[in-house]
Every structure is written in structure tokens, then in C-alpha cells.
Amino acid sequence: MPVISIALHQIESDMKERLVEGLTKAAAAATSIPQSSFIVLVDVYPDDAIGIGGRTLAAVKSDQPQA
């Protein structure tokens, strides 16, 4: 069984569901392997465990204006 693994910051459960569905559909279309064969692993990290340009994602987010 093929495995798709993705690591990202915290997202809502409905977004994870859409991500799993979309990745599965795209991989099945690209490989001609049935969708039912794919396993998708979503690794979620807190913002202070992700670094971007030498800064944590939490720090980067804190510098952005609030919407």
C-alpha cells in the first residue's frame, strides 16, 4: 500500500479531511493505483516546533497583522 505523509502546523479537522481526500485523489490519478490502497499520515506540529528562516512559526505569526 502506498503511503503519503505530510507534516504541517495545526489545522482544523475539516481541513485535514479535505487534505486527505485531495492528496488521495491526486495520487491515485497520477499513479493509476486505486484510492482505497492509499494510506495518508498527517503529522501536526505546534507553531513553536516549526522553523522558518531561523524563526519559529509562532514568532512569524506574531509579527503579522491580525485580520
PDB file of N, CA and C in Angstrom:
ATOM      1  N   MET A   1       0.833  -1.181   0.000  1.00  0.00           N
ATOM      2  CA  MET A   1       0.000   0.000   0.000  1.00  0.00           C
ATOM      3  C   MET A   1       0.879   1.247   0.000  1.00  0.00           C
ATOM      4  N   PRO A   2       0.619   2.185  -0.881  1.00  0.00           N
ATOM      5  CA  PRO A   2       1.384   3.427  -0.886  1.00  0.00           C
ATOM      6  C   PRO A   2       1.002   4.305   0.303  1.00  0.00           C
ATOM      7  N   VAL A   3       2.000   5.019   0.827  1.00  0.00           N
ATOM      8  CA  VAL A   3       1.793   5.900   1.974  1.00  0.00           C
ATOM      9  C   VAL A   3       2.158   7.325   1.579  1.00  0.00           C
ATOM     10  N   ILE A   4       1.274   8.253   1.891  1.00  0.00           N
ATOM     11  CA  ILE A   4       1.529   9.680   1.710  1.00  0.00           C
ATOM     12  C   ILE A   4       1.674  10.261   3.103  1.00  0.00           C
ATOM     13  N   SER A   5       2.764  10.985   3.333  1.00  0.00           N
ATOM     14  CA  SER A   5       2.994  11.591   4.630  1.00  0.00           C
ATOM     15  C   SER A   5       3.170  13.094   4.447  1.00  0.00           C
ATOM     16  N   ILE A   6       2.488  13.862   5.275  1.00  0.00           N
ATOM     17  CA  ILE A   6       2.595  15.309   5.216  1.00  0.00           C
ATOM     18  C   ILE A   6       2.721  15.832   6.638  1.00  0.00           C
ATOM     19  N   ALA A   7       3.590  16.821   6.820  1.00  0.00           N
ATOM     20  CA  ALA A   7       3.778  17.456   8.119  1.00  0.00           C
ATOM     21  C   ALA A   7       3.427  18.926   7.977  1.00  0.00           C
ATOM     22  N   LEU A   8       2.658  19.459   8.935  1.00  0.00           N
ATOM     23  CA  LEU A   8       2.255  20.850   8.867  1.00  0.00           C
ATOM     24  C   LEU A   8       1.843  21.359  10.230  1.00  0.00           C
ATOM     25  N   HIS A   9       1.515  22.644  10.283  1.00  0.00           N
ATOM     26  CA  HIS A   9       1.055  23.282  11.513  1.00  0.00           C
ATOM     27  C   HIS A   9      -0.374  22.834  11.820  1.00  0.00           C
ATOM     28  N   GLN A  10      -0.833  23.200  12.992  1.00  0.00           N
ATOM     29  CA  GLN A  10      -2.186  22.820  13.418  1.00  0.00           C
ATOM     30  C   GLN A  10      -3.239  23.387  12.462  1.00  0.00           C
ATOM     31  N   ILE A  11      -4.134  22.535  12.002  1.00  0.00           N
ATOM     32  CA  ILE A  11      -5.256  22.950  11.166  1.00  0.00           C
ATOM     33  C   ILE A  11      -6.530  22.296  11.701  1.00  0.00           C
ATOM     34  N   GLU A  12      -7.651  22.825  11.288  1.00  0.00           N
ATOM     35  CA  GLU A  12      -8.948  22.292  11.723  1.00  0.00           C
ATOM     36  C   GLU A  12      -9.180  20.891  11.156  1.00  0.00           C
ATOM     37  N   SER A  13     -10.005  20.103  11.841  1.00  0.00           N
ATOM     38  CA  SER A  13     -10.294  18.735  11.419  1.00  0.00           C
ATOM     39  C   SER A  13     -10.896  18.675  10.026  1.00  0.00           C
ATOM     40  N   ASP A  14     -11.784  19.627   9.683  1.00  0.00           N
ATOM     41  CA  ASP A  14     -12.383  19.602   8.354  1.00  0.00           C
ATOM     42  C   ASP A  14     -11.337  19.864   7.273  1.00  0.00           C
ATOM     43  N   MET A  15     -10.344  20.670   7.577  1.00  0.00           N
ATOM     44  CA  MET A  15      -9.269  20.916   6.616  1.00  0.00           C
ATOM     45  C   MET A  15      -8.424  19.656   6.430  1.00  0.00           C
ATOM     46  N   LYS A  16      -8.188  18.926   7.514  1.00  0.00           N
ATOM     47  CA  LYS A  16      -7.441  17.666   7.420  1.00  0.00           C
ATOM     48  C   LYS A  16      -8.191  16.676   6.539  1.00  0.00           C
ATOM     49  N   GLU A  17      -9.501  16.607   6.710  1.00  0.00           N
ATOM     50  CA  GLU A  17     -10.306  15.699   5.900  1.00  0.00           C
ATOM     51  C   GLU A  17     -10.193  16.052   4.416  1.00  0.00           C
ATOM     52  N   ARG A  18     -10.283  17.355   4.101  1.00  0.00           N
ATOM     53  CA  ARG A  18     -10.155  17.781   2.700  1.00  0.00           C
ATOM     54  C   ARG A  18      -8.751  17.502   2.165  1.00  0.00           C
ATOM     55  N   LEU A  19      -7.749  17.691   2.998  1.00  0.00           N
ATOM     56  CA  LEU A  19      -6.370  17.421   2.604  1.00  0.00           C
ATOM     57  C   LEU A  19      -6.171  15.941   2.291  1.00  0.00           C
ATOM     58  N   VAL A  20      -6.645  15.082   3.180  1.00  0.00           N
ATOM     59  CA  VAL A  20      -6.522  13.628   2.970  1.00  0.00           C
ATOM     60  C   VAL A  20      -7.240  13.223   1.685  1.00  0.00           C
ATOM     61  N   GLU A  21      -8.439  13.738   1.490  1.00  0.00           N
ATOM     62  CA  GLU A  21      -9.213  13.410   0.289  1.00  0.00           C
ATOM     63  C   GLU A  21      -8.500  13.895  -0.974  1.00  0.00           C
ATOM     64  N   GLY A  22      -8.042  15.135  -0.952  1.00  0.00           N
ATOM     65  CA  GLY A  22      -7.385  15.703  -2.125  1.00  0.00           C
ATOM     66  C   GLY A  22      -6.074  15.014  -2.465  1.00  0.00           C
ATOM     67  N   LEU A  23      -5.250  14.732  -1.448  1.00  0.00           N
ATOM     68  CA  LEU A  23      -3.984  14.041  -1.693  1.00  0.00           C
ATOM     69  C   LEU A  23      -4.225  12.641  -2.243  1.00  0.00           C
ATOM     70  N   THR A  24      -5.217  11.963  -1.690  1.00  0.00           N
ATOM     71  CA  THR A  24      -5.535  10.614  -2.157  1.00  0.00           C
ATOM     72  C   THR A  24      -5.989  10.632  -3.611  1.00  0.00           C
ATOM     73  N   LYS A  25      -6.897  11.543  -3.955  1.00  0.00           N
ATOM     74  CA  LYS A  25      -7.385  11.635  -5.335  1.00  0.00           C
ATOM     75  C   LYS A  25      -6.260  11.951  -6.307  1.00  0.00           C
ATOM     76  N   ALA A  26      -5.413  12.903  -5.942  1.00  0.00           N
ATOM     77  CA  ALA A  26      -4.318  13.308  -6.832  1.00  0.00           C
ATOM     78  C   ALA A  26      -3.320  12.170  -7.032  1.00  0.00           C
ATOM     79  N   ALA A  27      -2.972  11.486  -5.953  1.00  0.00           N
ATOM     80  CA  ALA A  27      -2.010  10.388  -6.059  1.00  0.00           C
ATOM     81  C   ALA A  27      -2.582   9.225  -6.863  1.00  0.00           C
ATOM     82  N   ALA A  28      -3.855   8.937  -6.658  1.00  0.00           N
ATOM     83  CA  ALA A  28      -4.490   7.853  -7.416  1.00  0.00           C
ATOM     84  C   ALA A  28      -4.529   8.193  -8.903  1.00  0.00           C
ATOM     85  N   ALA A  29      -4.845   9.437  -9.229  1.00  0.00           N
ATOM     86  CA  ALA A  29      -4.886   9.854 -10.635  1.00  0.00           C
ATOM     87  C   ALA A  29      -3.502   9.799 -11.266  1.00  0.00           C
ATOM     88  N   ALA A  30      -2.478  10.179 -10.510  1.00  0.00           N
ATOM     89  CA  ALA A  30      -1.119  10.213 -11.053  1.00  0.00           C
ATOM     90  C   ALA A  30      -0.511   8.830 -11.213  1.00  0.00           C
ATOM     91  N   THR A  31      -0.952   7.880 -10.391  1.00  0.00           N
ATOM     92  CA  THR A  31      -0.319   6.556 -10.390  1.00  0.00           C
ATOM     93  C   THR A  31      -1.187   5.436 -10.950  1.00  0.00           C
ATOM     94  N   SER A  32      -2.467   5.706 -11.145  1.00  0.00           N
ATOM     95  CA  SER A  32      -3.434   4.674 -11.551  1.00  0.00           C
ATOM     96  C   SER A  32      -3.570   3.568 -10.504  1.00  0.00           C
ATOM     97  N   ILE A  33      -3.236   3.880  -9.267  1.00  0.00           N
ATOM     98  CA  ILE A  33      -3.451   2.961  -8.150  1.00  0.00           C
ATOM     99  C   ILE A  33      -4.784   3.349  -7.513  1.00  0.00           C
ATOM    100  N   PRO A  34      -5.637   2.383  -7.161  1.00  0.00           N
ATOM    101  CA  PRO A  34      -6.944   2.718  -6.575  1.00  0.00           C
ATOM    102  C   PRO A  34      -6.808   3.542  -5.298  1.00  0.00           C
ATOM    103  N   GLN A  35      -7.720   4.490  -5.113  1.00  0.00           N
ATOM    104  CA  GLN A  35      -7.719   5.329  -3.916  1.00  0.00           C
ATOM    105  C   GLN A  35      -7.747   4.498  -2.640  1.00  0.00           C
ATOM    106  N   SER A  36      -8.443   3.384  -2.687  1.00  0.00           N
ATOM    107  CA  SER A  36      -8.587   2.547  -1.493  1.00  0.00           C
ATOM    108  C   SER A  36      -7.263   1.944  -1.029  1.00  0.00           C
ATOM    109  N   SER A  37      -6.239   2.015  -1.850  1.00  0.00           N
ATOM    110  CA  SER A  37      -4.930   1.460  -1.488  1.00  0.00           C
ATOM    111  C   SER A  37      -4.054   2.440  -0.715  1.00  0.00           C
ATOM    112  N   PHE A  38      -4.402   3.724  -0.725  1.00  0.00           N
ATOM    113  CA  PHE A  38      -3.542   4.740  -0.132  1.00  0.00           C
ATOM    114  C   PHE A  38      -3.775   4.914   1.365  1.00  0.00           C
ATOM    115  N   ILE A  39      -2.682   5.117   2.059  1.00  0.00           N
ATOM    116  CA  ILE A  39      -2.688   5.498   3.465  1.00  0.00           C
ATOM    117  C   ILE A  39      -2.138   6.915   3.511  1.00  0.00           C
ATOM    118  N   VAL A  40      -2.806   7.818   4.234  1.00  0.00           N
ATOM    119  CA  VAL A  40      -2.330   9.189   4.379  1.00  0.00           C
ATOM    120  C   VAL A  40      -2.073   9.456   5.856  1.00  0.00           C
ATOM    121  N   LEU A  41      -0.861   9.904   6.151  1.00  0.00           N
ATOM    122  CA  LEU A  41      -0.466  10.241   7.519  1.00  0.00           C
ATOM    123  C   LEU A  41      -0.306  11.753   7.612  1.00  0.00           C
ATOM    124  N   VAL A  42      -0.998  12.361   8.562  1.00  0.00           N
ATOM    125  CA  VAL A  42      -0.911  13.806   8.761  1.00  0.00           C
ATOM    126  C   VAL A  42      -0.223  14.043  10.105  1.00  0.00           C
ATOM    127  N   ASP A  43       1.002  14.539  10.054  1.00  0.00           N
ATOM    128  CA  ASP A  43       1.750  14.880  11.257  1.00  0.00           C
ATOM    129  C   ASP A  43       1.549  16.362  11.541  1.00  0.00           C
ATOM    130  N   VAL A  44       1.030  16.671  12.727  1.00  0.00           N
ATOM    131  CA  VAL A  44       0.733  18.058  13.086  1.00  0.00           C
ATOM    132  C   VAL A  44       1.715  18.505  14.160  1.00  0.00           C
ATOM    133  N   TYR A  45       2.322  19.669  13.923  1.00  0.00           N
ATOM    134  CA  TYR A  45       3.295  20.228  14.852  1.00  0.00           C
ATOM    135  C   TYR A  45       2.807  21.561  15.399  1.00  0.00           C
ATOM    136  N   PRO A  46       3.099  21.849  16.651  1.00  0.00           N
ATOM    137  CA  PRO A  46       2.748  23.160  17.198  1.00  0.00           C
ATOM    138  C   PRO A  46       3.605  24.243  16.539  1.00  0.00           C
ATOM    139  N   ASP A  47       3.098  25.461  16.545  1.00  0.00           N
ATOM    140  CA  ASP A  47       3.783  26.565  15.874  1.00  0.00           C
ATOM    141  C   ASP A  47       5.191  26.810  16.411  1.00  0.00           C
ATOM    142  N   ASP A  48       5.449  26.459  17.672  1.00  0.00           N
ATOM    143  CA  ASP A  48       6.786  26.690  18.212  1.00  0.00           C
ATOM    144  C   ASP A  48       7.750  25.548  17.895  1.00  0.00           C
ATOM    145  N   ALA A  49       7.288  24.547  17.153  1.00  0.00           N
ATOM    146  CA  ALA A  49       8.137  23.427  16.746  1.00  0.00           C
ATOM    147  C   ALA A  49       8.430  23.456  15.254  1.00  0.00           C
ATOM    148  N   ILE A  50       8.076  24.552  14.592  1.00  0.00           N
ATOM    149  CA  ILE A  50       8.309  24.708  13.160  1.00  0.00           C
ATOM    150  C   ILE A  50       9.181  25.942  12.968  1.00  0.00           C
ATOM    151  N   GLY A  51      10.273  25.795  12.231  1.00  0.00           N
ATOM    152  CA  GLY A  51      11.161  26.921  11.976  1.00  0.00           C
ATOM    153  C   GLY A  51      11.093  27.381  10.539  1.00  0.00           C
ATOM    154  N   ILE A  52      11.067  28.700  10.352  1.00  0.00           N
ATOM    155  CA  ILE A  52      11.080  29.309   9.022  1.00  0.00           C
ATOM    156  C   ILE A  52      12.111  30.425   9.052  1.00  0.00           C
ATOM    157  N   GLY A  53      13.146  30.295   8.259  1.00  0.00           N
ATOM    158  CA  GLY A  53      14.157  31.341   8.199  1.00  0.00           C
ATOM    159  C   GLY A  53      14.814  31.637   9.537  1.00  0.00           C
ATOM    160  N   GLY A  54      14.988  30.620  10.356  1.00  0.00           N
ATOM    161  CA  GLY A  54      15.646  30.793  11.639  1.00  0.00           C
ATOM    162  C   GLY A  54      14.734  31.274  12.757  1.00  0.00           C
ATOM    163  N   ARG A  55      13.448  31.348  12.491  1.00  0.00           N
ATOM    164  CA  ARG A  55      12.475  31.785  13.500  1.00  0.00           C
ATOM    165  C   ARG A  55      11.369  30.748  13.594  1.00  0.00           C
ATOM    166  N   THR A  56      10.738  30.669  14.751  1.00  0.00           N
ATOM    167  CA  THR A  56       9.620  29.741  14.869  1.00  0.00           C
ATOM    168  C   THR A  56       8.406  30.309  14.133  1.00  0.00           C
ATOM    169  N   LEU A  57       7.537  29.425  13.727  1.00  0.00           N
ATOM    170  CA  LEU A  57       6.301  29.858  13.074  1.00  0.00           C
ATOM    171  C   LEU A  57       5.487  30.731  14.019  1.00  0.00           C
ATOM    172  N   ALA A  58       5.528  30.437  15.311  1.00  0.00           N
ATOM    173  CA  ALA A  58       4.814  31.254  16.297  1.00  0.00           C
ATOM    174  C   ALA A  58       5.308  32.699  16.249  1.00  0.00           C
ATOM    175  N   ALA A  59       6.623  32.885  16.167  1.00  0.00           N
ATOM    176  CA  ALA A  59       7.197  34.239  16.104  1.00  0.00           C
ATOM    177  C   ALA A  59       6.812  34.935  14.802  1.00  0.00           C
ATOM    178  N   VAL A  60       6.855  34.189  13.696  1.00  0.00           N
ATOM    179  CA  VAL A  60       6.485  34.758  12.402  1.00  0.00           C
ATOM    180  C   VAL A  60       5.033  35.208  12.435  1.00  0.00           C
ATOM    181  N   LYS A  61       4.155  34.358  12.965  1.00  0.00           N
ATOM    182  CA  LYS A  61       2.736  34.691  13.045  1.00  0.00           C
ATOM    183  C   LYS A  61       2.489  35.902  13.938  1.00  0.00           C
ATOM    184  N   SER A  62       3.250  36.027  15.003  1.00  0.00           N
ATOM    185  CA  SER A  62       3.043  37.139  15.934  1.00  0.00           C
ATOM    186  C   SER A  62       3.404  38.483  15.302  1.00  0.00           C
ATOM    187  N   ASP A  63       4.242  38.453  14.272  1.00  0.00           N
ATOM    188  CA  ASP A  63       4.634  39.685  13.571  1.00  0.00           C
ATOM    189  C   ASP A  63       3.618  40.110  12.521  1.00  0.00           C
ATOM    190  N   GLN A  64       2.682  39.222  12.181  1.00  0.00           N
ATOM    191  CA  GLN A  64       1.705  39.532  11.127  1.00  0.00           C
ATOM    192  C   GLN A  64       0.517  40.271  11.719  1.00  0.00           C
ATOM    193  N   PRO A  65       0.002  41.266  10.997  1.00  0.00           N
ATOM    194  CA  PRO A  65      -1.182  41.974  11.475  1.00  0.00           C
ATOM    195  C   PRO A  65      -2.382  41.033  11.565  1.00  0.00           C
ATOM    196  N   GLN A  66      -3.192  41.224  12.575  1.00  0.00           N
ATOM    197  CA  GLN A  66      -4.398  40.399  12.761  1.00  0.00           C
ATOM    198  C   GLN A  66      -5.482  40.853  11.791  1.00  0.00           C
ATOM    199  N   ALA A  67      -6.187  39.879  11.222  1.00  0.00           N
ATOM    200  CA  ALA A  67      -7.256  40.186  10.260  1.00  0.00           C
ATOM    201  C   ALA A  67      -8.529  40.605  10.951  1.00  0.00           C
TER     202      ALA A  67
END
